[in-house]
Amino acid sequence: MSFWLTIKRIARYGFVGFMRNGFVSLAAILIMTITLFVVAGLMISGAALNSTLKQLTDKVDVTVYFATSATAEQITEMQKSLQTLPEVASIQYVSREEALAQFQARHSGDQLTMQALQELGDNPLGASLEVRAKNTSQYEAIAKYLDAQQKSGSGAGASIDKVNFYQNKTAIDRLTNIIETSKRLGSVVALVLGLVSLLITFNTIRLAIYTSRDEIGVMNLVGASRWFVRGPFVVAGILYGTISGLVVLVLLYPLTLWLGPGSERFLGSFNVFTYFIGAFPLIFFVVMGSGIALGALSSYLAVRRYLHT
């Protein structure tokens, strides 16, 4: 018997066994589909959270607010001092007039605030420097340098009114912790569901072995090879994973299409559907690979445990 003919017969017998155990196969496919859906959901939600975190970190900077009495020379001196730091990528100067215009634009609908501003008469806002670091991890070093300059109370440091960084850092750190906790929790859920899928498929193959015990006995009598007997059950397990993976991928298309506009409004620039289409090769590989691996592994363990040929 040729090699390819043997493979074809093993595949055919595996498909027949899969169809014969219809309801049991359906149960295995159902739980495996849920597992793979969680895996795909973890990938998409992880990308969404990382995109949100990136948007926030891109907006983070160290803003140095100067007192209204600060002179142009003091501000220029501080700017030149900051430019000597290796961590600094860029510095943007915001004059008192620009700060006032930005404040008025942000509060244009707040009549009380605008009225209070008019009553003050003079511009109550000072100039500022918006400092961006080369890496987000370097912001704290820049903020500490500015704090030291402010506490020194001499030169340009005496003109600093406030350094705005630690409020943003707290928010970023909290979001990062939430993302990491969500990833860990999702991984635990996926692992538990994966073990459940493995157990159900394992028992499904065990039941298939029991119902096919007479055929297995005949095969042994006529001298069938070990893998000619075991192969169809492994094929059945692979079919469970393949069908489950295809079901998940088919369901994800309309689901992400429906969630796309809402996710973009809620998460800013991240669109779930756009990500699904762009990352489809990776999602396809992970979902189908996980499904086939789960099915093949559970089938292999079952035939080793219960099929003695």
Protein backbone atom coordinates (compact mmCIF):
# COMPACT_ATOMS: atom_id res chain seq x y z
CA MET A 1 0.00 0.00 0.00
CA SER A 2 1.49 3.35 -1.06
CA PHE A 3 2.11 6.11 1.45
CA TRP A 4 -0.35 8.57 -0.11
CA LEU A 5 -3.07 5.93 -0.38
CA THR A 6 -2.63 5.18 3.32
CA ILE A 7 -2.91 8.89 4.16
CA LYS A 8 -6.10 9.20 2.08
CA ARG A 9 -7.69 6.21 3.79
CA ILE A 10 -6.74 7.46 7.27
CA ALA A 11 -8.26 10.87 6.43
CA ARG A 12 -11.44 9.25 5.07
CA TYR A 13 -11.89 6.99 8.10
CA GLY A 14 -11.25 9.99 10.36
CA PHE A 15 -13.99 11.96 8.60
CA VAL A 16 -16.39 9.02 8.83
CA GLY A 17 -15.71 8.70 12.57
CA PHE A 18 -16.23 12.43 12.96
CA MET A 19 -19.65 12.27 11.29
CA ARG A 20 -20.65 9.10 13.13
CA ASN A 21 -20.24 10.76 16.54
CA GLY A 22 -22.30 13.78 15.52
CA PHE A 23 -23.63 15.10 18.84
CA VAL A 24 -20.48 14.34 20.76
CA SER A 25 -18.41 16.00 18.04
CA LEU A 26 -20.71 19.02 18.19
CA ALA A 27 -20.09 19.39 21.93
CA ALA A 28 -16.32 19.28 21.39
CA ILE A 29 -16.56 21.85 18.60
CA LEU A 30 -18.75 24.13 20.71
CA ILE A 31 -16.41 24.34 23.69
CA MET A 32 -13.38 24.64 21.41
CA THR A 33 -15.10 27.46 19.52
CA ILE A 34 -15.65 29.33 22.79
CA THR A 35 -11.97 28.83 23.69
CA LEU A 36 -10.73 30.10 20.33
CA PHE A 37 -13.17 33.01 20.48
CA VAL A 38 -11.61 34.02 23.79
CA VAL A 39 -8.13 33.73 22.25
CA ALA A 40 -9.14 35.97 19.33
CA GLY A 41 -10.86 38.37 21.73
CA LEU A 42 -7.67 38.62 23.78
CA MET A 43 -5.69 39.52 20.67
CA ILE A 44 -8.13 42.23 19.60
CA SER A 45 -8.69 43.68 23.07
CA GLY A 46 -4.94 43.67 23.72
CA ALA A 47 -4.36 45.62 20.51
CA ALA A 48 -7.12 48.07 21.46
CA LEU A 49 -5.69 48.65 24.94
CA ASN A 50 -2.17 49.07 23.60
CA SER A 51 -3.43 51.55 21.02
CA THR A 52 -5.20 53.54 23.74
CA LEU A 53 -2.08 53.52 25.90
CA LYS A 54 0.05 54.68 22.96
CA GLN A 55 -2.35 57.56 22.27
CA LEU A 56 -2.11 58.66 25.88
CA THR A 57 1.67 58.35 26.09
CA ASP A 58 2.01 60.32 22.84
CA LYS A 59 0.16 63.16 24.54
CA VAL A 60 2.29 63.01 27.68
CA ASP A 61 4.93 65.66 28.15
CA VAL A 62 6.61 67.60 30.92
CA THR A 63 5.09 71.07 30.95
CA VAL A 64 7.00 73.80 32.75
CA TYR A 65 4.73 76.67 33.76
CA PHE A 66 6.47 79.95 34.51
CA ALA A 67 5.31 82.69 36.82
CA THR A 68 3.70 85.71 35.15
CA SER A 69 6.68 87.75 36.31
CA ALA A 70 9.18 85.51 34.48
CA THR A 71 11.36 87.38 32.00
CA ALA A 72 12.16 86.27 28.47
CA GLU A 73 15.79 85.83 29.47
CA GLN A 74 14.87 83.41 32.28
CA ILE A 75 12.65 81.35 29.98
CA THR A 76 15.34 81.26 27.28
CA GLU A 77 17.95 80.24 29.85
CA MET A 78 15.75 77.36 31.06
CA GLN A 79 15.07 76.26 27.49
CA LYS A 80 18.78 76.16 26.69
CA SER A 81 19.42 74.26 29.92
CA LEU A 82 16.84 71.63 29.00
CA GLN A 83 18.24 71.25 25.48
CA THR A 84 21.52 70.04 26.98
CA LEU A 85 19.78 67.02 28.54
CA PRO A 86 20.26 63.82 26.47
CA GLU A 87 16.71 62.69 27.31
CA VAL A 88 15.03 65.69 25.65
CA ALA A 89 13.70 65.20 22.11
CA SER A 90 11.96 68.56 21.54
CA ILE A 91 10.81 71.68 23.35
CA GLN A 92 7.85 73.84 22.38
CA TYR A 93 7.53 77.37 23.72
CA VAL A 94 4.01 78.66 24.51
CA SER A 95 3.83 82.41 25.17
CA ARG A 96 1.44 84.02 27.63
CA GLU A 97 -0.72 85.24 24.75
CA GLU A 98 -0.90 81.76 23.20
CA ALA A 99 -1.73 80.23 26.58
CA LEU A 100 -4.58 82.72 27.03
CA ALA A 101 -5.94 82.02 23.53
CA GLN A 102 -5.85 78.25 24.15
CA PHE A 103 -7.60 78.70 27.51
CA GLN A 104 -10.34 80.82 25.93
CA ALA A 105 -10.84 78.25 23.16
CA ARG A 106 -11.18 75.39 25.67
CA HIS A 107 -13.71 77.31 27.81
CA SER A 108 -15.59 79.14 25.08
CA GLY A 109 -18.88 77.56 26.19
CA ASP A 110 -18.37 78.31 29.89
CA GLN A 111 -19.87 81.75 30.44
CA LEU A 112 -18.89 81.95 34.14
CA THR A 113 -15.24 81.24 33.42
CA MET A 114 -15.14 83.70 30.54
CA GLN A 115 -16.82 86.37 32.66
CA ALA A 116 -14.34 85.82 35.50
CA LEU A 117 -11.47 86.11 33.02
CA GLN A 118 -12.80 89.41 31.73
CA GLU A 119 -13.14 90.77 35.25
CA LEU A 120 -9.47 90.01 35.94
CA GLY A 121 -8.52 92.33 33.12
CA ASP A 122 -4.86 91.29 32.91
CA ASN A 123 -3.68 87.94 31.52
CA PRO A 124 -3.37 85.63 34.57
CA LEU A 125 -1.48 82.90 32.66
CA GLY A 126 2.26 82.58 32.39
CA ALA A 127 4.37 81.23 29.54
CA SER A 128 5.29 77.55 29.43
CA LEU A 129 7.64 75.03 27.86
CA GLU A 130 6.29 71.67 26.64
CA VAL A 131 9.13 69.17 26.82
CA ARG A 132 8.99 65.83 25.01
CA ALA A 133 11.38 63.01 25.85
CA LYS A 134 12.90 60.50 23.45
CA ASN A 135 11.31 57.66 25.44
CA THR A 136 8.39 57.71 27.87
CA SER A 137 10.61 56.19 30.56
CA GLN A 138 12.79 59.33 30.48
CA TYR A 139 10.09 61.82 31.47
CA GLU A 140 10.61 61.24 35.16
CA ALA A 141 14.31 62.16 34.91
CA ILE A 142 13.41 65.42 33.16
CA ALA A 143 10.75 66.20 35.78
CA LYS A 144 13.23 65.58 38.60
CA TYR A 145 15.74 67.89 36.94
CA LEU A 146 13.12 70.66 36.73
CA ASP A 147 12.07 70.08 40.35
CA ALA A 148 15.68 70.48 41.40
CA GLN A 149 15.95 73.71 39.40
CA GLN A 150 12.76 75.05 40.99
CA LYS A 151 13.85 74.15 44.52
CA SER A 152 17.21 75.80 44.01
CA GLY A 153 15.40 79.15 43.82
CA SER A 154 18.17 80.71 41.77
CA GLY A 155 18.53 81.80 38.15
CA ALA A 156 15.93 80.50 35.72
CA GLY A 157 14.69 78.01 38.33
CA ALA A 158 13.29 80.86 40.42
CA SER A 159 10.85 81.72 37.60
CA ILE A 160 9.24 78.25 37.53
CA ASP A 161 5.72 78.23 38.94
CA LYS A 162 4.80 74.56 38.45
CA VAL A 163 5.98 71.38 36.70
CA ASN A 164 3.06 69.33 35.40
CA PHE A 165 4.07 65.70 34.97
CA TYR A 166 3.27 63.49 37.94
CA GLN A 167 -0.51 63.81 37.43
CA ASN A 168 -0.16 62.40 33.90
CA LYS A 169 2.32 59.79 35.08
CA THR A 170 -0.16 58.49 37.65
CA ALA A 171 -2.87 58.14 35.00
CA ILE A 172 -0.51 56.36 32.59
CA ASP A 173 0.74 54.00 35.31
CA ARG A 174 -2.81 53.14 36.33
CA LEU A 175 -3.82 52.43 32.75
CA THR A 176 -0.72 50.30 32.26
CA ASN A 177 -1.57 48.28 35.38
CA ILE A 178 -5.15 47.81 34.17
CA ILE A 179 -3.90 46.57 30.79
CA GLU A 180 -1.41 44.16 32.36
CA THR A 181 -4.05 42.84 34.79
CA SER A 182 -6.55 42.39 31.95
CA LYS A 183 -3.98 40.47 29.91
CA ARG A 184 -3.14 38.19 32.82
CA LEU A 185 -6.80 37.56 33.60
CA GLY A 186 -7.59 36.89 29.95
CA SER A 187 -4.68 34.49 29.69
CA VAL A 188 -5.91 32.57 32.74
CA VAL A 189 -9.43 32.34 31.27
CA ALA A 190 -8.05 31.16 27.92
CA LEU A 191 -5.86 28.58 29.67
CA VAL A 192 -8.80 27.22 31.69
CA LEU A 193 -11.01 27.01 28.60
CA GLY A 194 -8.15 25.39 26.71
CA LEU A 195 -7.85 22.69 29.38
CA VAL A 196 -11.62 22.16 29.29
CA SER A 197 -11.48 21.84 25.48
CA LEU A 198 -8.62 19.39 25.80
CA LEU A 199 -10.56 17.30 28.32
CA ILE A 200 -13.79 17.26 26.29
CA THR A 201 -12.01 16.35 23.06
CA PHE A 202 -10.03 13.71 24.96
CA ASN A 203 -13.26 12.11 26.21
CA THR A 204 -14.87 12.43 22.77
CA ILE A 205 -12.03 10.47 21.19
CA ARG A 206 -12.20 7.94 24.04
CA LEU A 207 -15.89 7.41 23.30
CA ALA A 208 -15.15 7.08 19.58
CA ILE A 209 -12.52 4.44 20.36
CA TYR A 210 -15.05 2.52 22.47
CA THR A 211 -17.77 2.58 19.79
CA SER A 212 -15.24 1.48 17.13
CA ARG A 213 -13.73 -1.34 19.19
CA ASP A 214 -15.04 -4.09 16.84
CA GLU A 215 -13.57 -2.40 13.76
CA ILE A 216 -10.29 -1.86 15.59
CA GLY A 217 -10.22 -5.55 16.46
CA VAL A 218 -10.70 -6.53 12.80
CA MET A 219 -7.94 -4.13 11.71
CA ASN A 220 -5.58 -5.71 14.22
CA LEU A 221 -6.44 -9.19 12.97
CA VAL A 222 -5.67 -8.30 9.34
CA GLY A 223 -2.35 -6.75 10.33
CA ALA A 224 -3.10 -3.02 10.04
CA SER A 225 -0.24 -0.81 11.18
CA ARG A 226 -0.41 1.07 14.47
CA TRP A 227 -0.89 4.50 12.86
CA PHE A 228 -3.41 3.17 10.34
CA VAL A 229 -5.55 2.32 13.39
CA ARG A 230 -4.75 5.43 15.42
CA GLY A 231 -4.60 7.96 12.59
CA PRO A 232 -8.37 8.38 12.00
CA PHE A 233 -8.91 9.44 15.63
CA VAL A 234 -6.18 12.07 15.39
CA VAL A 235 -7.73 13.27 12.12
CA ALA A 236 -11.08 13.60 13.91
CA GLY A 237 -9.43 15.74 16.61
CA ILE A 238 -7.83 17.95 13.97
CA LEU A 239 -11.25 18.34 12.32
CA TYR A 240 -12.69 19.58 15.63
CA GLY A 241 -10.04 22.28 15.83
CA THR A 242 -10.25 23.22 12.15
CA ILE A 243 -14.03 23.61 12.14
CA SER A 244 -13.95 25.54 15.43
CA GLY A 245 -11.33 27.91 14.06
CA LEU A 246 -13.31 28.52 10.86
CA VAL A 247 -16.48 29.20 12.85
CA VAL A 248 -14.65 31.78 14.99
CA LEU A 249 -13.15 33.54 11.96
CA VAL A 250 -16.52 33.65 10.17
CA LEU A 251 -18.27 35.06 13.26
CA LEU A 252 -15.56 37.66 13.87
CA TYR A 253 -16.10 39.35 10.50
CA PRO A 254 -19.69 40.59 11.07
CA LEU A 255 -19.03 41.16 14.77
CA THR A 256 -16.01 43.41 14.20
CA LEU A 257 -17.80 45.14 11.31
CA TRP A 258 -20.66 46.00 13.68
CA LEU A 259 -18.34 47.08 16.50
CA GLY A 260 -16.01 49.08 14.24
CA PRO A 261 -17.66 52.56 14.29
CA GLY A 262 -18.44 52.34 18.02
CA SER A 263 -14.91 51.26 18.91
CA GLU A 264 -13.47 54.18 16.94
CA ARG A 265 -15.70 56.64 18.79
CA PHE A 266 -14.85 55.11 22.16
CA LEU A 267 -11.15 54.35 21.66
CA GLY A 268 -10.15 57.23 19.42
CA SER A 269 -8.26 56.08 16.33
CA PHE A 270 -8.60 52.33 16.97
CA ASN A 271 -11.18 50.60 14.76
CA VAL A 272 -11.83 46.94 15.61
CA PHE A 273 -12.83 46.03 12.05
CA THR A 274 -9.82 47.79 10.52
CA TYR A 275 -7.54 45.93 12.92
CA PHE A 276 -9.24 42.60 12.14
CA ILE A 277 -8.75 43.07 8.39
CA GLY A 278 -5.18 44.35 8.74
CA ALA A 279 -4.10 41.65 11.19
CA PHE A 280 -6.16 38.84 9.62
CA PRO A 281 -3.14 36.70 8.60
CA LEU A 282 -1.88 36.75 12.21
CA ILE A 283 -5.35 36.14 13.69
CA PHE A 284 -5.93 33.32 11.18
CA PHE A 285 -2.63 31.69 12.08
CA VAL A 286 -3.16 31.97 15.85
CA VAL A 287 -6.82 30.84 15.84
CA MET A 288 -6.43 27.98 13.36
CA GLY A 289 -3.08 26.94 14.81
CA SER A 290 -4.46 26.88 18.36
CA GLY A 291 -7.53 24.93 17.27
CA ILE A 292 -5.59 22.31 15.32
CA ALA A 293 -3.00 22.00 18.09
CA LEU A 294 -5.70 21.50 20.75
CA GLY A 295 -7.54 18.92 18.66
CA ALA A 296 -4.42 17.01 17.63
CA LEU A 297 -2.91 17.00 21.14
CA SER A 298 -6.07 15.80 22.88
CA SER A 299 -6.61 13.09 20.23
CA TYR A 300 -3.02 11.94 20.49
CA LEU A 301 -3.22 11.71 24.27
CA ALA A 302 -6.49 9.78 24.05
CA VAL A 303 -5.22 7.17 21.57
CA ARG A 304 -2.05 6.69 23.59
CA ARG A 305 -4.06 6.19 26.75
CA TYR A 306 -6.95 4.04 25.52
CA LEU A 307 -5.95 2.50 22.20
CA HIS A 308 -3.50 -0.39 22.70
CA THR A 309 -2.48 -1.69 19.31
